[in-house]
Amino acid sequence: MRYHLGDRSPGGQGRVVATLKADLARAEALDTSNLSFPVRTSVEVVKSAYSTALEGFALPYGDVAVGAGATRPTS
């Protein structure tokens, strides 16, 4: 069952950060002017969650769950 767990090595964490950055850049590049309000709101939620996660990864300890809004120490 270990293969279901995320890679918590520095390399694995780096890949998560790279994915978050790439996805955030794509979300920020979207032209939301023609989208419905609920869809625009969803895009803003994604941008906020990914930005918060990236801020958490910048801390020198712990682990970040995307969308959790908090960095938690690893054991």
PDB file of N, CA and C in Angstrom:
ATOM      1  N   MET A   1       0.803  -1.201   0.000  1.00  0.00           N
ATOM      2  CA  MET A   1       0.000   0.000   0.000  1.00  0.00           C
ATOM      3  C   MET A   1       0.849   1.269   0.000  1.00  0.00           C
ATOM      4  N   ARG A   2       2.141   1.135   0.229  1.00  0.00           N
ATOM      5  CA  ARG A   2       2.991   2.331   0.273  1.00  0.00           C
ATOM      6  C   ARG A   2       2.989   3.110  -1.033  1.00  0.00           C
ATOM      7  N   TYR A   3       2.764   2.418  -2.146  1.00  0.00           N
ATOM      8  CA  TYR A   3       2.799   3.120  -3.431  1.00  0.00           C
ATOM      9  C   TYR A   3       1.661   4.136  -3.559  1.00  0.00           C
ATOM     10  N   HIS A   4       0.662   4.059  -2.682  1.00  0.00           N
ATOM     11  CA  HIS A   4      -0.415   5.041  -2.688  1.00  0.00           C
ATOM     12  C   HIS A   4       0.008   6.349  -2.012  1.00  0.00           C
ATOM     13  N   LEU A   5       1.056   6.309  -1.232  1.00  0.00           N
ATOM     14  CA  LEU A   5       1.519   7.504  -0.527  1.00  0.00           C
ATOM     15  C   LEU A   5       2.348   8.368  -1.465  1.00  0.00           C
ATOM     16  N   GLY A   6       2.341   9.662  -1.201  1.00  0.00           N
ATOM     17  CA  GLY A   6       3.135  10.581  -1.999  1.00  0.00           C
ATOM     18  C   GLY A   6       4.610  10.442  -1.692  1.00  0.00           C
ATOM     19  N   ASP A   7       5.426  10.878  -2.615  1.00  0.00           N
ATOM     20  CA  ASP A   7       6.878  10.854  -2.457  1.00  0.00           C
ATOM     21  C   ASP A   7       7.273  12.051  -1.602  1.00  0.00           C
ATOM     22  N   ARG A   8       7.688  11.792  -0.369  1.00  0.00           N
ATOM     23  CA  ARG A   8       8.027  12.871   0.555  1.00  0.00           C
ATOM     24  C   ARG A   8       9.524  13.196   0.553  1.00  0.00           C
ATOM     25  N   SER A   9      10.258  12.612  -0.375  1.00  0.00           N
ATOM     26  CA  SER A   9      11.680  12.935  -0.481  1.00  0.00           C
ATOM     27  C   SER A   9      11.813  14.362  -1.005  1.00  0.00           C
ATOM     28  N   PRO A  10      12.995  14.971  -0.853  1.00  0.00           N
ATOM     29  CA  PRO A  10      13.174  16.320  -1.415  1.00  0.00           C
ATOM     30  C   PRO A  10      12.869  16.375  -2.916  1.00  0.00           C
ATOM     31  N   GLY A  11      13.244  15.343  -3.634  1.00  0.00           N
ATOM     32  CA  GLY A  11      12.946  15.313  -5.068  1.00  0.00           C
ATOM     33  C   GLY A  11      11.453  15.239  -5.332  1.00  0.00           C
ATOM     34  N   GLY A  12      10.758  14.409  -4.550  1.00  0.00           N
ATOM     35  CA  GLY A  12       9.310  14.292  -4.699  1.00  0.00           C
ATOM     36  C   GLY A  12       8.607  15.590  -4.367  1.00  0.00           C
ATOM     37  N   GLN A  13       9.045  16.239  -3.299  1.00  0.00           N
ATOM     38  CA  GLN A  13       8.467  17.521  -2.928  1.00  0.00           C
ATOM     39  C   GLN A  13       8.747  18.572  -3.999  1.00  0.00           C
ATOM     40  N   GLY A  14       9.931  18.507  -4.591  1.00  0.00           N
ATOM     41  CA  GLY A  14      10.266  19.434  -5.677  1.00  0.00           C
ATOM     42  C   GLY A  14       9.360  19.251  -6.883  1.00  0.00           C
ATOM     43  N   ARG A  15       9.005  17.995  -7.169  1.00  0.00           N
ATOM     44  CA  ARG A  15       8.089  17.735  -8.282  1.00  0.00           C
ATOM     45  C   ARG A  15       6.693  18.278  -7.978  1.00  0.00           C
ATOM     46  N   VAL A  16       6.262  18.178  -6.729  1.00  0.00           N
ATOM     47  CA  VAL A  16       4.962  18.737  -6.352  1.00  0.00           C
ATOM     48  C   VAL A  16       4.987  20.254  -6.536  1.00  0.00           C
ATOM     49  N   VAL A  17       6.058  20.886  -6.082  1.00  0.00           N
ATOM     50  CA  VAL A  17       6.191  22.344  -6.227  1.00  0.00           C
ATOM     51  C   VAL A  17       6.168  22.729  -7.703  1.00  0.00           C
ATOM     52  N   ALA A  18       6.895  21.993  -8.531  1.00  0.00           N
ATOM     53  CA  ALA A  18       6.927  22.293  -9.963  1.00  0.00           C
ATOM     54  C   ALA A  18       5.531  22.163 -10.581  1.00  0.00           C
ATOM     55  N   THR A  19       4.792  21.144 -10.182  1.00  0.00           N
ATOM     56  CA  THR A  19       3.435  20.960 -10.687  1.00  0.00           C
ATOM     57  C   THR A  19       2.529  22.101 -10.237  1.00  0.00           C
ATOM     58  N   LEU A  20       2.634  22.477  -8.954  1.00  0.00           N
ATOM     59  CA  LEU A  20       1.825  23.589  -8.452  1.00  0.00           C
ATOM     60  C   LEU A  20       2.123  24.874  -9.210  1.00  0.00           C
ATOM     61  N   LYS A  21       3.406  25.147  -9.436  1.00  0.00           N
ATOM     62  CA  LYS A  21       3.788  26.370 -10.163  1.00  0.00           C
ATOM     63  C   LYS A  21       3.256  26.366 -11.587  1.00  0.00           C
ATOM     64  N   ALA A  22       3.376  25.227 -12.260  1.00  0.00           N
ATOM     65  CA  ALA A  22       2.900  25.138 -13.646  1.00  0.00           C
ATOM     66  C   ALA A  22       1.382  25.279 -13.707  1.00  0.00           C
ATOM     67  N   ASP A  23       0.683  24.607 -12.813  1.00  0.00           N
ATOM     68  CA  ASP A  23      -0.781  24.699 -12.798  1.00  0.00           C
ATOM     69  C   ASP A  23      -1.245  26.103 -12.443  1.00  0.00           C
ATOM     70  N   LEU A  24      -0.563  26.735 -11.488  1.00  0.00           N
ATOM     71  CA  LEU A  24      -0.912  28.104 -11.108  1.00  0.00           C
ATOM     72  C   LEU A  24      -0.698  29.056 -12.277  1.00  0.00           C
ATOM     73  N   ALA A  25       0.393  28.890 -12.991  1.00  0.00           N
ATOM     74  CA  ALA A  25       0.653  29.750 -14.151  1.00  0.00           C
ATOM     75  C   ALA A  25      -0.445  29.585 -15.205  1.00  0.00           C
ATOM     76  N   ARG A  26      -0.899  28.354 -15.414  1.00  0.00           N
ATOM     77  CA  ARG A  26      -1.987  28.126 -16.376  1.00  0.00           C
ATOM     78  C   ARG A  26      -3.278  28.778 -15.901  1.00  0.00           C
ATOM     79  N   ALA A  27      -3.567  28.670 -14.601  1.00  0.00           N
ATOM     80  CA  ALA A  27      -4.785  29.291 -14.064  1.00  0.00           C
ATOM     81  C   ALA A  27      -4.712  30.807 -14.166  1.00  0.00           C
ATOM     82  N   GLU A  28      -3.540  31.356 -13.903  1.00  0.00           N
ATOM     83  CA  GLU A  28      -3.384  32.814 -13.975  1.00  0.00           C
ATOM     84  C   GLU A  28      -3.458  33.321 -15.411  1.00  0.00           C
ATOM     85  N   ALA A  29      -3.149  32.471 -16.381  1.00  0.00           N
ATOM     86  CA  ALA A  29      -3.178  32.878 -17.783  1.00  0.00           C
ATOM     87  C   ALA A  29      -4.577  32.812 -18.390  1.00  0.00           C
ATOM     88  N   LEU A  30      -5.512  32.223 -17.671  1.00  0.00           N
ATOM     89  CA  LEU A  30      -6.874  32.099 -18.193  1.00  0.00           C
ATOM     90  C   LEU A  30      -7.543  33.462 -18.326  1.00  0.00           C
ATOM     91  N   ASP A  31      -8.251  33.636 -19.426  1.00  0.00           N
ATOM     92  CA  ASP A  31      -9.096  34.818 -19.588  1.00  0.00           C
ATOM     93  C   ASP A  31     -10.463  34.438 -19.031  1.00  0.00           C
ATOM     94  N   THR A  32     -10.758  34.925 -17.859  1.00  0.00           N
ATOM     95  CA  THR A  32     -12.006  34.553 -17.191  1.00  0.00           C
ATOM     96  C   THR A  32     -13.151  35.518 -17.472  1.00  0.00           C
ATOM     97  N   SER A  33     -12.917  36.498 -18.312  1.00  0.00           N
ATOM     98  CA  SER A  33     -13.932  37.535 -18.530  1.00  0.00           C
ATOM     99  C   SER A  33     -15.233  36.988 -19.122  1.00  0.00           C
ATOM    100  N   ASN A  34     -15.171  35.928 -19.890  1.00  0.00           N
ATOM    101  CA  ASN A  34     -16.382  35.379 -20.508  1.00  0.00           C
ATOM    102  C   ASN A  34     -16.937  34.177 -19.758  1.00  0.00           C
ATOM    103  N   LEU A  35     -16.364  33.856 -18.613  1.00  0.00           N
ATOM    104  CA  LEU A  35     -16.822  32.708 -17.838  1.00  0.00           C
ATOM    105  C   LEU A  35     -17.929  33.127 -16.876  1.00  0.00           C
ATOM    106  N   SER A  36     -18.743  32.174 -16.500  1.00  0.00           N
ATOM    107  CA  SER A  36     -19.804  32.458 -15.531  1.00  0.00           C
ATOM    108  C   SER A  36     -19.185  32.775 -14.171  1.00  0.00           C
ATOM    109  N   PHE A  37     -19.975  33.419 -13.329  1.00  0.00           N
ATOM    110  CA  PHE A  37     -19.479  33.773 -12.000  1.00  0.00           C
ATOM    111  C   PHE A  37     -19.018  32.547 -11.215  1.00  0.00           C
ATOM    112  N   PRO A  38     -19.779  31.438 -11.190  1.00  0.00           N
ATOM    113  CA  PRO A  38     -19.311  30.271 -10.440  1.00  0.00           C
ATOM    114  C   PRO A  38     -17.978  29.713 -10.957  1.00  0.00           C
ATOM    115  N   VAL A  39     -17.788  29.725 -12.263  1.00  0.00           N
ATOM    116  CA  VAL A  39     -16.535  29.214 -12.821  1.00  0.00           C
ATOM    117  C   VAL A  39     -15.390  30.173 -12.496  1.00  0.00           C
ATOM    118  N   ARG A  40     -15.627  31.469 -12.614  1.00  0.00           N
ATOM    119  CA  ARG A  40     -14.590  32.449 -12.233  1.00  0.00           C
ATOM    120  C   ARG A  40     -14.217  32.273 -10.773  1.00  0.00           C
ATOM    121  N   THR A  41     -15.219  32.059  -9.921  1.00  0.00           N
ATOM    122  CA  THR A  41     -14.963  31.845  -8.498  1.00  0.00           C
ATOM    123  C   THR A  41     -14.103  30.600  -8.293  1.00  0.00           C
ATOM    124  N   SER A  42     -14.414  29.539  -9.010  1.00  0.00           N
ATOM    125  CA  SER A  42     -13.625  28.308  -8.890  1.00  0.00           C
ATOM    126  C   SER A  42     -12.176  28.529  -9.299  1.00  0.00           C
ATOM    127  N   VAL A  43     -11.966  29.279 -10.361  1.00  0.00           N
ATOM    128  CA  VAL A  43     -10.600  29.580 -10.807  1.00  0.00           C
ATOM    129  C   VAL A  43      -9.872  30.368  -9.718  1.00  0.00           C
ATOM    130  N   GLU A  44     -10.545  31.333  -9.108  1.00  0.00           N
ATOM    131  CA  GLU A  44      -9.919  32.124  -8.043  1.00  0.00           C
ATOM    132  C   GLU A  44      -9.598  31.261  -6.828  1.00  0.00           C
ATOM    133  N   VAL A  45     -10.465  30.309  -6.519  1.00  0.00           N
ATOM    134  CA  VAL A  45     -10.208  29.407  -5.396  1.00  0.00           C
ATOM    135  C   VAL A  45      -8.969  28.567  -5.677  1.00  0.00           C
ATOM    136  N   VAL A  46      -8.851  28.049  -6.884  1.00  0.00           N
ATOM    137  CA  VAL A  46      -7.676  27.257  -7.262  1.00  0.00           C
ATOM    138  C   VAL A  46      -6.421  28.109  -7.143  1.00  0.00           C
ATOM    139  N   LYS A  47      -6.463  29.322  -7.666  1.00  0.00           N
ATOM    140  CA  LYS A  47      -5.284  30.195  -7.597  1.00  0.00           C
ATOM    141  C   LYS A  47      -4.901  30.478  -6.151  1.00  0.00           C
ATOM    142  N   SER A  48      -5.874  30.738  -5.305  1.00  0.00           N
ATOM    143  CA  SER A  48      -5.592  31.011  -3.898  1.00  0.00           C
ATOM    144  C   SER A  48      -5.004  29.783  -3.199  1.00  0.00           C
ATOM    145  N   ALA A  49      -5.602  28.615  -3.420  1.00  0.00           N
ATOM    146  CA  ALA A  49      -5.123  27.387  -2.772  1.00  0.00           C
ATOM    147  C   ALA A  49      -3.705  27.046  -3.213  1.00  0.00           C
ATOM    148  N   TYR A  50      -3.427  27.168  -4.495  1.00  0.00           N
ATOM    149  CA  TYR A  50      -2.097  26.829  -4.997  1.00  0.00           C
ATOM    150  C   TYR A  50      -1.065  27.843  -4.516  1.00  0.00           C
ATOM    151  N   SER A  51      -1.434  29.114  -4.469  1.00  0.00           N
ATOM    152  CA  SER A  51      -0.509  30.134  -3.956  1.00  0.00           C
ATOM    153  C   SER A  51      -0.192  29.882  -2.489  1.00  0.00           C
ATOM    154  N   THR A  52      -1.217  29.551  -1.715  1.00  0.00           N
ATOM    155  CA  THR A  52      -1.020  29.264  -0.293  1.00  0.00           C
ATOM    156  C   THR A  52      -0.130  28.043  -0.107  1.00  0.00           C
ATOM    157  N   ALA A  53      -0.356  27.012  -0.912  1.00  0.00           N
ATOM    158  CA  ALA A  53       0.470  25.803  -0.828  1.00  0.00           C
ATOM    159  C   ALA A  53       1.921  26.123  -1.162  1.00  0.00           C
ATOM    160  N   LEU A  54       2.149  26.925  -2.188  1.00  0.00           N
ATOM    161  CA  LEU A  54       3.527  27.287  -2.548  1.00  0.00           C
ATOM    162  C   LEU A  54       4.196  28.087  -1.433  1.00  0.00           C
ATOM    163  N   GLU A  55       3.455  28.953  -0.772  1.00  0.00           N
ATOM    164  CA  GLU A  55       4.008  29.683   0.368  1.00  0.00           C
ATOM    165  C   GLU A  55       4.405  28.705   1.471  1.00  0.00           C
ATOM    166  N   GLY A  56       3.578  27.695   1.693  1.00  0.00           N
ATOM    167  CA  GLY A  56       3.888  26.687   2.701  1.00  0.00           C
ATOM    168  C   GLY A  56       5.120  25.872   2.356  1.00  0.00           C
ATOM    169  N   PHE A  57       5.277  25.514   1.085  1.00  0.00           N
ATOM    170  CA  PHE A  57       6.455  24.759   0.671  1.00  0.00           C
ATOM    171  C   PHE A  57       7.726  25.581   0.839  1.00  0.00           C
ATOM    172  N   ALA A  58       7.605  26.906   0.855  1.00  0.00           N
ATOM    173  CA  ALA A  58       8.782  27.761   1.018  1.00  0.00           C
ATOM    174  C   ALA A  58       9.305  27.730   2.455  1.00  0.00           C
ATOM    175  N   LEU A  59       8.475  27.257   3.391  1.00  0.00           N
ATOM    176  CA  LEU A  59       8.932  27.155   4.781  1.00  0.00           C
ATOM    177  C   LEU A  59       9.933  25.998   4.890  1.00  0.00           C
ATOM    178  N   PRO A  60      10.891  26.101   5.800  1.00  0.00           N
ATOM    179  CA  PRO A  60      11.960  25.105   5.857  1.00  0.00           C
ATOM    180  C   PRO A  60      11.595  23.813   6.580  1.00  0.00           C
ATOM    181  N   TYR A  61      10.325  23.560   6.833  1.00  0.00           N
ATOM    182  CA  TYR A  61       9.941  22.339   7.545  1.00  0.00           C
ATOM    183  C   TYR A  61       8.534  21.942   7.117  1.00  0.00           C
ATOM    184  N   GLY A  62       8.182  20.714   7.426  1.00  0.00           N
ATOM    185  CA  GLY A  62       6.808  20.284   7.298  1.00  0.00           C
ATOM    186  C   GLY A  62       6.400  19.857   5.909  1.00  0.00           C
ATOM    187  N   ASP A  63       5.109  19.729   5.765  1.00  0.00           N
ATOM    188  CA  ASP A  63       4.496  19.255   4.543  1.00  0.00           C
ATOM    189  C   ASP A  63       3.251  20.091   4.312  1.00  0.00           C
ATOM    190  N   VAL A  64       2.833  20.202   3.077  1.00  0.00           N
ATOM    191  CA  VAL A  64       1.689  21.030   2.735  1.00  0.00           C
ATOM    192  C   VAL A  64       0.663  20.185   2.008  1.00  0.00           C
ATOM    193  N   ALA A  65      -0.563  20.276   2.448  1.00  0.00           N
ATOM    194  CA  ALA A  65      -1.672  19.662   1.715  1.00  0.00           C
ATOM    195  C   ALA A  65      -2.334  20.769   0.918  1.00  0.00           C
ATOM    196  N   VAL A  66      -2.416  20.615  -0.380  1.00  0.00           N
ATOM    197  CA  VAL A  66      -3.002  21.654  -1.221  1.00  0.00           C
ATOM    198  C   VAL A  66      -4.434  21.867  -0.790  1.00  0.00           C
ATOM    199  N   GLY A  67      -4.765  23.125  -0.528  1.00  0.00           N
ATOM    200  CA  GLY A  67      -6.103  23.477  -0.122  1.00  0.00           C
ATOM    201  C   GLY A  67      -6.358  23.404   1.364  1.00  0.00           C
ATOM    202  N   ALA A  68      -5.410  22.868   2.125  1.00  0.00           N
ATOM    203  CA  ALA A  68      -5.620  22.742   3.568  1.00  0.00           C
ATOM    204  C   ALA A  68      -5.399  24.082   4.273  1.00  0.00           C
ATOM    205  N   GLY A  69      -4.603  24.952   3.675  1.00  0.00           N
ATOM    206  CA  GLY A  69      -4.387  26.256   4.258  1.00  0.00           C
ATOM    207  C   GLY A  69      -3.418  26.260   5.422  1.00  0.00           C
ATOM    208  N   ALA A  70      -2.751  25.160   5.662  1.00  0.00           N
ATOM    209  CA  ALA A  70      -1.811  25.108   6.789  1.00  0.00           C
ATOM    210  C   ALA A  70      -0.644  24.187   6.461  1.00  0.00           C
ATOM    211  N   THR A  71       0.467  24.520   7.006  1.00  0.00           N
ATOM    212  CA  THR A  71       1.643  23.649   6.902  1.00  0.00           C
ATOM    213  C   THR A  71       1.693  22.842   8.174  1.00  0.00           C
ATOM    214  N   ARG A  72       1.934  21.572   8.032  1.00  0.00           N
ATOM    215  CA  ARG A  72       1.972  20.723   9.208  1.00  0.00           C
ATOM    216  C   ARG A  72       3.337  20.052   9.296  1.00  0.00           C
ATOM    217  N   PRO A  73       3.881  19.923  10.500  1.00  0.00           N
ATOM    218  CA  PRO A  73       5.171  19.262  10.646  1.00  0.00           C
ATOM    219  C   PRO A  73       5.068  17.793  10.235  1.00  0.00           C
ATOM    220  N   THR A  74       6.158  17.290   9.666  1.00  0.00           N
ATOM    221  CA  THR A  74       6.200  15.879   9.335  1.00  0.00           C
ATOM    222  C   THR A  74       6.782  15.135  10.520  1.00  0.00           C
ATOM    223  N   SER A  75       6.408  13.903  10.679  1.00  0.00           N
ATOM    224  CA  SER A  75       6.912  13.137  11.812  1.00  0.00           C
ATOM    225  C   SER A  75       7.921  12.109  11.374  1.00  0.00           C
TER     226      SER A  75
END
